[in-house]
């Protein structure tokens, strides 16, 4: 009832409204609360980013923005934009073959072109793949649809595996069971052909990286040329 006495408030002090923010959240001068807000915002961003990465149609539209696509290739598509950089990577997985479209503008574009097409350039694989090395780089030129596409052929593997055989052998020269670390090293090996397929007059540099995963066997030029038939090369999009 409205006229019921508040026996716990004999001094007739106005009753404080209930707290809407828990006391613990303000304990460190607001820092904990701000940290909580940042964590929530980050979780939402990561969730949205993950959904975008796994959206094949959205990712493939990024390729169509820079290349003329005659027919979309088969395979699983995923991709991402590198934070704070004018660089986007769209990947297409076809079994043991992985095709990456690296799209960059401005200074990032020229840096990308230099890294992939200069045989003397140190390949920057970043902190997560710091132990990876690029070996046996060879300049290559493929004639595709009347275009001379410049590129590089190379192999990639952990630096610790540089002198190891393709598959470890036992004392009889037969393949033996692999330890986990050995299997990981073999799985990280790949053979690659990287080509500059940037459209003429375009504002973006587009590097195609065509790789066979888990092997160092040379990729035939004809295989890469067959894949490029999905695109109309030469002119801007």
Protein backbone atom coordinates (compact mmCIF):
# COMPACT_ATOMS: atom_id res chain seq x y z
CA UNK A 1 0.00 0.00 0.00
CA UNK A 2 1.13 3.53 -0.76
CA UNK A 3 0.75 4.65 2.91
CA UNK A 4 2.59 1.63 4.36
CA UNK A 5 5.48 2.70 6.65
CA UNK A 6 9.07 1.86 5.68
CA UNK A 7 10.34 0.57 9.08
CA UNK A 8 13.88 0.24 7.65
CA UNK A 9 14.06 3.94 6.79
CA UNK A 10 13.29 5.73 10.10
CA UNK A 11 15.37 8.76 9.10
CA UNK A 12 12.94 9.26 6.24
CA UNK A 13 15.81 9.27 3.71
CA UNK A 14 14.60 8.72 0.15
CA UNK A 15 15.01 5.14 -0.93
CA UNK A 16 17.84 4.73 -3.47
CA UNK A 17 16.78 3.33 -6.82
CA UNK A 18 18.20 -0.11 -7.63
CA UNK A 19 21.56 -0.16 -9.37
CA UNK A 20 21.42 -0.86 -13.08
CA UNK A 21 25.18 -1.58 -13.30
CA UNK A 22 26.68 -4.14 -10.88
CA UNK A 23 29.14 -2.71 -8.38
CA UNK A 24 31.92 -5.04 -9.58
CA UNK A 25 31.77 -3.50 -13.02
CA UNK A 26 32.77 -0.10 -11.64
CA UNK A 27 35.34 -1.44 -9.17
CA UNK A 28 38.39 -0.32 -11.18
CA UNK A 29 37.20 3.16 -12.05
CA UNK A 30 35.13 2.10 -15.03
CA UNK A 31 37.96 0.14 -16.64
CA UNK A 32 36.32 -3.24 -16.06
CA UNK A 33 33.06 -2.05 -17.52
CA UNK A 34 34.82 -0.62 -20.56
CA UNK A 35 36.73 -3.86 -20.98
CA UNK A 36 33.47 -5.78 -20.82
CA UNK A 37 31.92 -3.53 -23.46
CA UNK A 38 34.96 -3.96 -25.69
CA UNK A 39 34.83 -7.74 -25.25
CA UNK A 40 31.16 -7.85 -26.19
CA UNK A 41 31.74 -5.60 -29.20
CA UNK A 42 34.69 -7.73 -30.26
CA UNK A 43 32.65 -10.92 -29.95
CA UNK A 44 29.95 -9.41 -32.17
CA UNK A 45 32.55 -8.24 -34.69
CA UNK A 46 34.27 -11.64 -34.82
CA UNK A 47 30.91 -13.39 -35.24
CA UNK A 48 29.95 -11.05 -38.09
CA UNK A 49 33.43 -11.34 -39.62
CA UNK A 50 33.27 -15.11 -39.45
CA UNK A 51 29.89 -15.16 -41.17
CA UNK A 52 31.23 -12.88 -43.89
CA UNK A 53 34.34 -15.05 -44.37
CA UNK A 54 32.23 -18.15 -44.87
CA UNK A 55 29.73 -16.49 -47.24
CA UNK A 56 30.88 -17.78 -50.67
CA UNK A 57 28.62 -15.51 -52.70
CA UNK A 58 29.75 -12.38 -50.87
CA UNK A 59 33.40 -13.35 -51.18
CA UNK A 60 33.14 -14.24 -54.86
CA UNK A 61 31.58 -10.87 -55.63
CA UNK A 62 34.89 -9.37 -54.51
CA UNK A 63 36.61 -11.33 -57.29
CA UNK A 64 33.99 -10.19 -59.80
CA UNK A 65 34.73 -6.58 -58.84
CA UNK A 66 38.24 -6.88 -60.32
CA UNK A 67 38.05 -9.73 -62.88
CA UNK A 68 35.65 -10.67 -65.65
CA UNK A 69 34.33 -14.11 -64.73
CA UNK A 70 33.11 -16.31 -67.57
CA UNK A 71 32.12 -19.17 -65.29
CA UNK A 72 32.44 -19.50 -61.55
CA UNK A 73 34.81 -22.38 -60.70
CA UNK A 74 33.72 -25.27 -58.52
CA UNK A 75 35.01 -25.47 -54.97
CA UNK A 76 34.66 -24.09 -51.48
CA UNK A 77 35.11 -20.32 -51.26
CA UNK A 78 36.12 -18.27 -48.26
CA UNK A 79 38.05 -15.06 -47.76
CA UNK A 80 38.85 -12.04 -45.67
CA UNK A 81 40.04 -8.46 -45.79
CA UNK A 82 43.31 -7.90 -43.95
CA UNK A 83 42.58 -5.38 -41.16
CA UNK A 84 43.96 -1.86 -41.69
CA UNK A 85 45.31 -2.77 -45.15
CA UNK A 86 44.04 -2.39 -48.68
CA UNK A 87 44.44 -6.14 -49.13
CA UNK A 88 41.88 -8.90 -49.53
CA UNK A 89 42.45 -12.65 -50.00
CA UNK A 90 39.79 -14.87 -51.56
CA UNK A 91 40.53 -18.60 -51.47
CA UNK A 92 39.05 -21.42 -53.50
CA UNK A 93 39.58 -24.98 -52.28
CA UNK A 94 39.34 -27.86 -54.76
CA UNK A 95 40.42 -30.96 -52.87
CA UNK A 96 44.20 -30.81 -52.58
CA UNK A 97 44.39 -27.71 -54.77
CA UNK A 98 44.07 -24.24 -53.26
CA UNK A 99 43.72 -21.12 -55.39
CA UNK A 100 44.17 -17.72 -53.77
CA UNK A 101 43.19 -14.42 -55.30
CA UNK A 102 45.18 -11.69 -53.57
CA UNK A 103 43.71 -8.27 -54.33
CA UNK A 104 45.45 -5.11 -53.21
CA UNK A 105 45.49 -1.42 -54.05
CA UNK A 106 47.90 1.46 -53.65
CA UNK A 107 51.22 0.79 -51.93
CA UNK A 108 50.03 -2.64 -50.76
CA UNK A 109 49.44 -3.62 -54.37
CA UNK A 110 52.96 -2.78 -55.49
CA UNK A 111 54.43 -4.47 -52.43
CA UNK A 112 52.38 -7.59 -53.13
CA UNK A 113 53.53 -7.68 -56.76
CA UNK A 114 57.16 -7.25 -55.73
CA UNK A 115 57.02 -9.97 -53.07
CA UNK A 116 55.51 -12.58 -55.37
CA UNK A 117 57.23 -11.80 -58.65
CA UNK A 118 60.79 -11.00 -57.55
CA UNK A 119 62.79 -14.23 -57.10
CA UNK A 120 65.22 -12.46 -54.76
CA UNK A 121 62.50 -11.01 -52.51
CA UNK A 122 62.12 -12.37 -48.99
CA UNK A 123 58.61 -13.79 -48.71
CA UNK A 124 56.83 -12.38 -45.66
CA UNK A 125 54.57 -15.09 -44.24
CA UNK A 126 53.79 -13.13 -41.07
CA UNK A 127 54.15 -14.11 -37.39
CA UNK A 128 51.88 -17.15 -37.57
CA UNK A 129 53.91 -18.78 -40.33
CA UNK A 130 57.31 -17.36 -39.43
CA UNK A 131 59.02 -20.74 -39.86
CA UNK A 132 57.87 -21.10 -43.48
CA UNK A 133 60.33 -20.54 -46.32
CA UNK A 134 60.05 -20.09 -50.09
CA UNK A 135 62.49 -22.20 -52.08
CA UNK A 136 63.54 -22.79 -55.70
CA UNK A 137 61.90 -19.64 -57.11
CA UNK A 138 61.80 -19.57 -60.91
CA UNK A 139 60.42 -16.87 -63.16
CA UNK A 140 57.64 -18.07 -65.43
CA UNK A 141 55.61 -16.57 -68.28
CA UNK A 142 52.35 -18.16 -69.41
CA UNK A 143 50.59 -17.23 -72.64
CA UNK A 144 46.88 -17.13 -71.83
CA UNK A 145 44.18 -15.66 -74.08
CA UNK A 146 46.72 -13.55 -75.92
CA UNK A 147 48.21 -12.21 -72.66
CA UNK A 148 51.74 -12.80 -71.42
CA UNK A 149 51.26 -13.41 -67.70
CA UNK A 150 54.41 -12.93 -65.62
CA UNK A 151 54.85 -14.94 -62.48
CA UNK A 152 56.87 -17.20 -60.25
CA UNK A 153 57.05 -20.91 -59.62
CA UNK A 154 58.25 -21.96 -56.15
CA UNK A 155 57.84 -24.42 -53.33
CA UNK A 156 56.97 -23.60 -49.72
CA UNK A 157 57.87 -25.67 -46.67
CA UNK A 158 59.00 -25.30 -43.06
CA UNK A 159 62.63 -24.22 -42.93
CA UNK A 160 63.42 -27.16 -40.64
CA UNK A 161 62.28 -29.54 -43.42
CA UNK A 162 64.48 -28.08 -46.16
CA UNK A 163 66.94 -30.97 -46.22
CA UNK A 164 64.46 -33.76 -45.44
CA UNK A 165 63.12 -36.30 -47.92
CA UNK A 166 59.55 -36.12 -49.19
CA UNK A 167 58.47 -39.03 -46.98
CA UNK A 168 60.65 -40.37 -44.10
CA UNK A 169 61.93 -43.87 -44.77
CA UNK A 170 62.83 -46.75 -42.46
CA UNK A 171 66.12 -48.68 -42.47
CA UNK A 172 64.88 -50.75 -45.43
CA UNK A 173 64.10 -47.69 -47.53
CA UNK A 174 60.34 -48.10 -47.16
CA UNK A 175 57.97 -45.35 -45.98
CA UNK A 176 57.54 -45.56 -42.23
CA UNK A 177 54.80 -44.39 -39.86
CA UNK A 178 54.97 -40.66 -39.30
CA UNK A 179 55.14 -38.85 -36.01
CA UNK A 180 52.75 -35.93 -35.56
CA UNK A 181 55.46 -33.30 -36.14
CA UNK A 182 56.61 -35.06 -39.31
CA UNK A 183 53.07 -35.32 -40.65
CA UNK A 184 52.54 -31.63 -39.93
CA UNK A 185 55.67 -30.64 -41.84
CA UNK A 186 54.63 -32.71 -44.83
CA UNK A 187 51.13 -31.26 -44.80
CA UNK A 188 52.51 -27.70 -44.76
CA UNK A 189 54.55 -28.26 -47.92
CA UNK A 190 53.13 -26.91 -51.14
CA UNK A 191 54.05 -26.33 -54.76
CA UNK A 192 52.89 -23.01 -56.20
CA UNK A 193 52.57 -21.02 -59.39
CA UNK A 194 51.91 -17.33 -58.72
CA UNK A 195 50.81 -15.09 -61.61
CA UNK A 196 50.05 -11.41 -62.00
CA UNK A 197 46.57 -11.40 -63.55
CA UNK A 198 45.84 -7.72 -62.85
CA UNK A 199 43.45 -6.31 -65.48
CA UNK A 200 44.83 -3.65 -67.80
CA UNK A 201 43.83 -0.19 -66.66
CA UNK A 202 42.57 -1.50 -63.33
CA UNK A 203 43.22 0.13 -59.97
CA UNK A 204 43.97 -3.12 -58.16
CA UNK A 205 46.83 -5.57 -58.30
CA UNK A 206 45.54 -9.15 -58.54
CA UNK A 207 47.93 -12.02 -57.87
CA UNK A 208 46.73 -15.56 -58.47
CA UNK A 209 48.43 -18.20 -56.32
CA UNK A 210 47.71 -21.71 -57.59
CA UNK A 211 48.97 -24.34 -55.13
CA UNK A 212 49.03 -28.09 -54.62
CA UNK A 213 48.95 -28.78 -50.89
CA UNK A 214 51.10 -31.39 -49.17
CA UNK A 215 53.44 -31.97 -52.09
CA UNK A 216 56.47 -30.42 -53.79
CA UNK A 217 55.71 -31.86 -57.24
CA UNK A 218 55.84 -29.29 -60.07
CA UNK A 219 52.48 -27.97 -61.27
CA UNK A 220 51.99 -28.27 -65.02
CA UNK A 221 51.42 -25.01 -66.91
CA UNK A 222 48.47 -26.59 -68.72
CA UNK A 223 46.63 -27.10 -65.43
CA UNK A 224 46.89 -23.42 -64.50
CA UNK A 225 45.91 -22.33 -68.02
CA UNK A 226 42.85 -24.60 -67.88
CA UNK A 227 41.76 -22.97 -64.62
CA UNK A 228 42.21 -19.47 -66.05
CA UNK A 229 39.67 -20.32 -68.77
CA UNK A 230 37.05 -19.40 -66.16
CA UNK A 231 38.05 -15.75 -66.65
CA UNK A 232 38.35 -13.24 -69.45
CA UNK A 233 41.78 -11.74 -69.06
CA UNK A 234 43.38 -8.63 -70.49
CA UNK A 235 40.83 -5.85 -70.07
CA UNK A 236 39.66 -4.01 -66.97
CA UNK A 237 36.44 -5.09 -65.32
